[in-house]
Protein backbone atom coordinates (compact mmCIF):
# COMPACT_ATOMS: atom_id res chain seq x y z
CA MET A 1 85.78 94.74 87.67
CA GLN A 2 88.33 92.09 87.41
CA TYR A 3 90.34 91.43 90.59
CA SER A 4 94.19 91.30 89.92
CA ARG A 5 96.41 89.67 92.49
CA ALA A 6 99.27 91.78 91.45
CA THR A 7 97.44 94.74 93.29
CA ASP A 8 96.83 92.69 96.47
CA VAL A 9 100.30 92.62 97.64
CA GLU A 10 101.34 93.46 101.31
CA PRO A 11 103.75 96.44 101.70
CA THR A 12 107.43 94.89 102.80
CA SER A 13 109.12 94.94 106.10
CA ALA A 14 111.11 97.96 104.84
CA ALA A 15 108.22 99.93 103.24
CA LEU A 16 106.48 99.57 106.76
CA ARG A 17 109.41 100.52 108.62
CA ALA A 18 109.73 103.70 106.31
CA ILE A 19 106.38 104.55 106.95
CA GLU A 20 106.85 104.23 110.71
CA ARG A 21 109.75 106.32 110.58
CA GLU A 22 107.77 109.03 108.74
CA TRP A 23 104.75 109.01 110.46
CA PRO A 24 105.00 112.00 112.64
CA VAL A 25 105.37 114.12 109.47
CA ILE A 26 102.35 112.23 107.81
CA GLU A 27 100.31 112.92 111.19
CA ALA A 28 101.23 116.46 111.23
CA GLU A 29 100.20 117.13 107.56
CA MET A 30 96.64 115.38 108.31
CA ASP A 31 96.56 117.72 111.26
CA LEU A 32 97.10 120.70 108.91
CA VAL A 33 94.52 119.43 106.35
CA SER A 34 91.92 119.16 109.00
CA VAL A 35 92.43 122.48 110.51
CA GLU A 36 92.28 123.83 106.90
CA ALA A 37 89.33 121.94 106.23
CA ALA A 38 87.65 123.31 109.41
CA LEU A 39 88.58 126.88 108.32
CA ALA A 40 87.70 126.27 104.56
CA ASP A 41 84.05 128.18 104.82
CA ILE A 42 85.18 131.22 107.33
CA ASP A 43 85.25 134.29 105.63
CA ASP A 44 86.90 136.46 108.63
CA LEU A 45 89.04 134.17 110.71
CA SER A 46 89.28 135.30 114.36
CA GLN A 47 93.00 135.37 116.07
CA LEU A 48 92.12 131.85 117.42
CA ASP A 49 91.47 130.30 114.04
CA ALA A 50 94.67 132.22 112.49
CA HIS A 51 96.62 131.10 115.55
CA ARG A 52 95.52 127.24 115.07
CA LEU A 53 96.32 127.45 111.22
CA MET A 54 100.05 128.96 111.93
CA ALA A 55 100.52 126.76 114.58
CA ALA A 56 99.49 123.52 112.41
CA GLN A 57 101.62 124.93 109.72
CA LYS A 58 104.92 125.41 111.88
CA ARG A 59 104.20 121.77 113.26
CA VAL A 60 104.41 120.47 109.69
CA GLU A 61 107.73 122.74 109.19
CA THR A 62 109.66 121.37 112.16
CA THR A 63 108.44 117.93 111.73
CA ARG A 64 109.62 117.87 108.47
CA ALA A 65 112.83 119.24 109.34
CA ARG A 66 113.39 117.04 112.13
CA PHE A 67 112.47 114.18 109.66
CA ALA A 68 115.00 115.44 107.15
CA ALA A 69 117.86 116.00 109.69
CA ALA A 70 117.33 112.41 111.09
CA ASP A 71 116.59 110.80 107.68
CA GLY A 72 118.60 112.64 105.27
CA PHE A 73 117.08 114.21 101.88
CA TYR A 74 113.53 114.26 102.14
CA GLY A 75 112.54 114.52 98.51
CA TRP A 76 112.01 118.17 98.18
CA GLU A 77 113.97 121.53 98.07
CA ALA A 78 113.93 123.72 101.04
CA ALA A 79 111.91 126.77 100.58
């Protein structure tokens, strides 16, 4: 395996600030994936399971909306 210095570049300050601004969205999406993974093998979701999933989905939606309102266009069309 060859090592290339071109791929060993640190992120810029601007890139780190962008990630920091978007971190609440990233965190909400990771939480949703975690809930989805936990429920993936369950055939019949309980009310609590369904509530956990809907709450995680809602958190992603509201966090994305807050980010879009604060930062302008987010990169995808609203549903």
